[in-house]
Amino acid sequence: MSTKNKWLIGIGIAIGLIVLFVLPFILRAIFPVQGFGMMGYGYGMHRFGFSPMFGGLGFGMFFMLLIPLALLTLIGLGIAALIKYLRTL
């Protein structure tokens, strides 16, 4: 694989990770919390629900984002290993 292709793949992965981490905050800004109940505004929650980051990702949700990232990483490594194996044949 050429150096140019490695750079393009690396830049694509970096942009993808940035989008994965920033997209929830963008969506929360575009579509604020609506409705009533425990996760909406009311009961003294000041419209942010139970999240300690005021509508963003909580500490537990950060770890839940790691699950699909790990799955995508394993898929990517599997594809890379398959390509490497097929080129040695």
N, C-alpha and C. Protein backbone atom coordinates (compact mmCIF):
# COMPACT_ATOMS: atom_id res chain seq x y z
N MET A 1 0.85 -1.17 0.00
CA MET A 1 0.00 0.00 0.00
C MET A 1 0.90 1.24 0.00
N SER A 2 0.55 2.18 -0.84
CA SER A 2 1.39 3.38 -0.95
C SER A 2 1.18 4.30 0.26
N THR A 3 2.13 5.19 0.42
CA THR A 3 2.06 6.15 1.52
C THR A 3 0.85 7.06 1.38
N LYS A 4 0.52 7.41 0.14
CA LYS A 4 -0.63 8.28 -0.10
C LYS A 4 -1.92 7.61 0.39
N ASN A 5 -2.09 6.33 0.10
CA ASN A 5 -3.29 5.62 0.55
C ASN A 5 -3.35 5.51 2.07
N LYS A 6 -2.20 5.30 2.70
CA LYS A 6 -2.18 5.22 4.17
C LYS A 6 -2.60 6.56 4.78
N TRP A 7 -2.13 7.65 4.22
CA TRP A 7 -2.52 8.97 4.73
C TRP A 7 -4.01 9.21 4.53
N LEU A 8 -4.54 8.83 3.37
CA LEU A 8 -5.97 9.02 3.12
C LEU A 8 -6.82 8.19 4.09
N ILE A 9 -6.42 6.96 4.34
CA ILE A 9 -7.16 6.11 5.29
C ILE A 9 -7.07 6.70 6.69
N GLY A 10 -5.88 7.15 7.08
CA GLY A 10 -5.71 7.75 8.41
C GLY A 10 -6.55 9.01 8.59
N ILE A 11 -6.57 9.86 7.58
CA ILE A 11 -7.38 11.08 7.65
C ILE A 11 -8.86 10.74 7.69
N GLY A 12 -9.28 9.74 6.91
CA GLY A 12 -10.69 9.32 6.94
C GLY A 12 -11.10 8.78 8.30
N ILE A 13 -10.24 7.99 8.92
CA ILE A 13 -10.55 7.46 10.25
C ILE A 13 -10.61 8.59 11.27
N ALA A 14 -9.68 9.54 11.19
CA ALA A 14 -9.69 10.66 12.13
C ALA A 14 -10.95 11.50 11.98
N ILE A 15 -11.36 11.78 10.76
CA ILE A 15 -12.59 12.55 10.54
C ILE A 15 -13.79 11.77 11.04
N GLY A 16 -13.81 10.46 10.81
CA GLY A 16 -14.91 9.64 11.29
C GLY A 16 -15.01 9.64 12.80
N LEU A 17 -13.88 9.56 13.50
CA LEU A 17 -13.90 9.59 14.97
C LEU A 17 -14.37 10.95 15.49
N ILE A 18 -13.92 12.01 14.84
CA ILE A 18 -14.36 13.34 15.26
C ILE A 18 -15.86 13.48 15.10
N VAL A 19 -16.39 13.00 13.98
CA VAL A 19 -17.84 13.07 13.76
C VAL A 19 -18.58 12.23 14.80
N LEU A 20 -18.07 11.04 15.12
CA LEU A 20 -18.73 10.20 16.11
C LEU A 20 -18.81 10.87 17.48
N PHE A 21 -17.76 11.59 17.87
CA PHE A 21 -17.75 12.21 19.18
C PHE A 21 -18.48 13.55 19.21
N VAL A 22 -18.56 14.27 18.09
CA VAL A 22 -19.15 15.60 18.08
C VAL A 22 -20.63 15.56 17.72
N LEU A 23 -21.05 14.55 16.98
CA LEU A 23 -22.44 14.49 16.50
C LEU A 23 -23.49 14.54 17.63
N PRO A 24 -23.32 13.83 18.75
CA PRO A 24 -24.34 13.95 19.81
C PRO A 24 -24.51 15.38 20.34
N PHE A 25 -23.42 16.12 20.45
CA PHE A 25 -23.51 17.49 20.94
C PHE A 25 -24.21 18.38 19.92
N ILE A 26 -23.94 18.16 18.64
CA ILE A 26 -24.60 18.93 17.59
C ILE A 26 -26.11 18.64 17.58
N LEU A 27 -26.45 17.36 17.68
CA LEU A 27 -27.86 17.00 17.69
C LEU A 27 -28.58 17.57 18.90
N ARG A 28 -27.91 17.61 20.06
CA ARG A 28 -28.52 18.16 21.27
C ARG A 28 -28.73 19.67 21.10
N ALA A 29 -27.84 20.34 20.38
CA ALA A 29 -28.00 21.78 20.16
C ALA A 29 -29.14 22.06 19.18
N ILE A 30 -29.28 21.19 18.17
CA ILE A 30 -30.33 21.41 17.18
C ILE A 30 -31.70 21.01 17.73
N PHE A 31 -31.76 19.87 18.43
CA PHE A 31 -33.01 19.36 18.98
C PHE A 31 -32.91 19.32 20.50
N PRO A 32 -33.24 20.43 21.17
CA PRO A 32 -33.13 20.43 22.63
C PRO A 32 -34.16 19.49 23.26
N VAL A 33 -33.95 19.22 24.53
CA VAL A 33 -34.83 18.31 25.26
C VAL A 33 -36.23 18.89 25.28
N GLN A 34 -37.21 18.06 24.92
CA GLN A 34 -38.59 18.50 24.92
C GLN A 34 -39.43 17.49 25.68
N GLY A 35 -40.51 17.96 26.21
CA GLY A 35 -41.41 17.07 26.91
C GLY A 35 -41.25 17.19 28.41
N PHE A 36 -42.07 16.45 29.11
CA PHE A 36 -42.06 16.48 30.56
C PHE A 36 -41.68 15.11 31.08
N GLY A 37 -41.33 15.04 32.32
CA GLY A 37 -41.01 13.77 32.93
C GLY A 37 -39.62 13.81 33.51
N MET A 38 -39.12 12.64 33.82
CA MET A 38 -37.84 12.56 34.52
C MET A 38 -36.67 13.05 33.68
N MET A 39 -36.72 12.84 32.37
CA MET A 39 -35.59 13.25 31.55
C MET A 39 -35.84 14.58 30.82
N GLY A 40 -37.03 15.12 30.92
CA GLY A 40 -37.31 16.40 30.29
C GLY A 40 -37.18 17.50 31.32
N TYR A 41 -37.75 18.66 31.03
CA TYR A 41 -37.70 19.70 32.03
C TYR A 41 -38.87 19.53 32.98
N GLY A 42 -38.65 19.85 34.18
CA GLY A 42 -39.62 19.64 35.24
C GLY A 42 -38.94 18.95 36.41
N TYR A 43 -39.58 18.94 37.53
CA TYR A 43 -39.06 18.32 38.74
C TYR A 43 -37.71 18.88 39.14
N GLY A 44 -37.45 20.13 38.83
CA GLY A 44 -36.21 20.76 39.24
C GLY A 44 -34.99 20.32 38.45
N MET A 45 -35.18 19.71 37.31
CA MET A 45 -34.04 19.22 36.53
C MET A 45 -33.48 20.30 35.61
N HIS A 46 -34.14 21.43 35.49
CA HIS A 46 -33.69 22.56 34.69
C HIS A 46 -33.45 22.18 33.23
N ARG A 47 -34.31 21.37 32.70
CA ARG A 47 -34.39 20.94 31.32
C ARG A 47 -33.21 20.13 30.82
N PHE A 48 -32.29 19.73 31.69
CA PHE A 48 -31.15 18.96 31.24
C PHE A 48 -31.23 17.50 31.62
N GLY A 49 -32.24 17.06 32.33
CA GLY A 49 -32.34 15.65 32.72
C GLY A 49 -31.31 15.32 33.78
N PHE A 50 -30.91 14.08 33.83
CA PHE A 50 -29.98 13.63 34.85
C PHE A 50 -28.52 13.70 34.40
N SER A 51 -28.27 14.15 33.20
CA SER A 51 -26.91 14.14 32.68
C SER A 51 -26.06 15.17 33.40
N PRO A 52 -24.87 14.77 33.85
CA PRO A 52 -23.99 15.74 34.52
C PRO A 52 -23.36 16.75 33.57
N MET A 53 -23.45 16.49 32.26
CA MET A 53 -22.84 17.39 31.28
C MET A 53 -23.89 18.29 30.64
N PHE A 54 -25.03 18.46 31.27
CA PHE A 54 -26.06 19.38 30.82
C PHE A 54 -26.53 19.08 29.40
N GLY A 55 -27.01 17.88 29.17
CA GLY A 55 -27.57 17.52 27.89
C GLY A 55 -26.60 16.83 26.96
N GLY A 56 -25.34 16.80 27.30
CA GLY A 56 -24.35 16.11 26.47
C GLY A 56 -24.23 14.66 26.89
N LEU A 57 -23.09 14.09 26.63
CA LEU A 57 -22.86 12.70 26.99
C LEU A 57 -22.44 12.61 28.44
N GLY A 58 -23.04 11.69 29.16
CA GLY A 58 -22.61 11.42 30.52
C GLY A 58 -21.41 10.50 30.52
N PHE A 59 -20.93 10.19 31.70
CA PHE A 59 -19.74 9.35 31.83
C PHE A 59 -20.01 7.94 31.31
N GLY A 60 -21.18 7.40 31.63
CA GLY A 60 -21.52 6.06 31.17
C GLY A 60 -21.76 6.01 29.67
N MET A 61 -22.34 7.05 29.11
CA MET A 61 -22.59 7.07 27.67
C MET A 61 -21.28 7.15 26.89
N PHE A 62 -20.25 7.73 27.49
CA PHE A 62 -18.95 7.74 26.83
C PHE A 62 -18.44 6.33 26.63
N PHE A 63 -18.60 5.49 27.66
CA PHE A 63 -18.15 4.11 27.53
C PHE A 63 -19.05 3.32 26.58
N MET A 64 -20.32 3.69 26.47
CA MET A 64 -21.19 3.02 25.51
C MET A 64 -20.79 3.37 24.08
N LEU A 65 -20.17 4.53 23.86
CA LEU A 65 -19.66 4.86 22.54
C LEU A 65 -18.44 4.03 22.18
N LEU A 66 -17.73 3.54 23.21
CA LEU A 66 -16.54 2.75 22.94
C LEU A 66 -16.89 1.39 22.36
N ILE A 67 -18.08 0.87 22.64
CA ILE A 67 -18.47 -0.45 22.13
C ILE A 67 -18.54 -0.45 20.61
N PRO A 68 -19.30 0.46 19.97
CA PRO A 68 -19.28 0.44 18.50
C PRO A 68 -17.92 0.81 17.91
N LEU A 69 -17.16 1.68 18.59
CA LEU A 69 -15.83 2.01 18.09
C LEU A 69 -14.93 0.79 18.11
N ALA A 70 -15.02 0.00 19.18
CA ALA A 70 -14.23 -1.22 19.26
C ALA A 70 -14.66 -2.21 18.18
N LEU A 71 -15.95 -2.30 17.94
CA LEU A 71 -16.45 -3.20 16.89
C LEU A 71 -15.95 -2.77 15.52
N LEU A 72 -16.00 -1.47 15.23
CA LEU A 72 -15.49 -0.97 13.96
C LEU A 72 -13.98 -1.20 13.83
N THR A 73 -13.26 -1.06 14.93
CA THR A 73 -11.82 -1.32 14.91
C THR A 73 -11.53 -2.78 14.61
N LEU A 74 -12.28 -3.68 15.25
CA LEU A 74 -12.08 -5.10 14.99
C LEU A 74 -12.41 -5.46 13.54
N ILE A 75 -13.47 -4.86 13.01
CA ILE A 75 -13.82 -5.12 11.61
C ILE A 75 -12.70 -4.62 10.69
N GLY A 76 -12.19 -3.42 10.95
CA GLY A 76 -11.11 -2.88 10.15
C GLY A 76 -9.84 -3.72 10.23
N LEU A 77 -9.50 -4.17 11.43
CA LEU A 77 -8.32 -5.02 11.58
C LEU A 77 -8.51 -6.37 10.88
N GLY A 78 -9.73 -6.88 10.93
CA GLY A 78 -10.02 -8.14 10.25
C GLY A 78 -9.88 -8.00 8.74
N ILE A 79 -10.38 -6.90 8.20
CA ILE A 79 -10.25 -6.66 6.76
C ILE A 79 -8.79 -6.49 6.38
N ALA A 80 -8.02 -5.76 7.20
CA ALA A 80 -6.59 -5.57 6.91
C ALA A 80 -5.85 -6.91 6.96
N ALA A 81 -6.18 -7.75 7.94
CA ALA A 81 -5.52 -9.06 8.04
C ALA A 81 -5.89 -9.94 6.85
N LEU A 82 -7.14 -9.87 6.43
CA LEU A 82 -7.57 -10.66 5.26
C LEU A 82 -6.85 -10.22 4.01
N ILE A 83 -6.72 -8.91 3.80
CA ILE A 83 -6.01 -8.40 2.62
C ILE A 83 -4.54 -8.82 2.66
N LYS A 84 -3.94 -8.71 3.84
CA LYS A 84 -2.53 -9.11 3.98
C LYS A 84 -2.37 -10.60 3.68
N TYR A 85 -3.28 -11.43 4.17
CA TYR A 85 -3.22 -12.87 3.92
C TYR A 85 -3.40 -13.19 2.45
N LEU A 86 -4.36 -12.51 1.79
CA LEU A 86 -4.61 -12.80 0.40
C LEU A 86 -3.48 -12.34 -0.52
N ARG A 87 -2.74 -11.32 -0.11
CA ARG A 87 -1.62 -10.85 -0.92
C ARG A 87 -0.43 -11.78 -0.83
N THR A 88 -0.32 -12.55 0.25
CA THR A 88 0.82 -13.47 0.41
C THR A 88 0.60 -14.76 -0.35
N LEU A 89 -0.60 -15.02 -0.82
CA LEU A 89 -0.86 -16.26 -1.56
C LEU A 89 -0.29 -16.25 -2.95
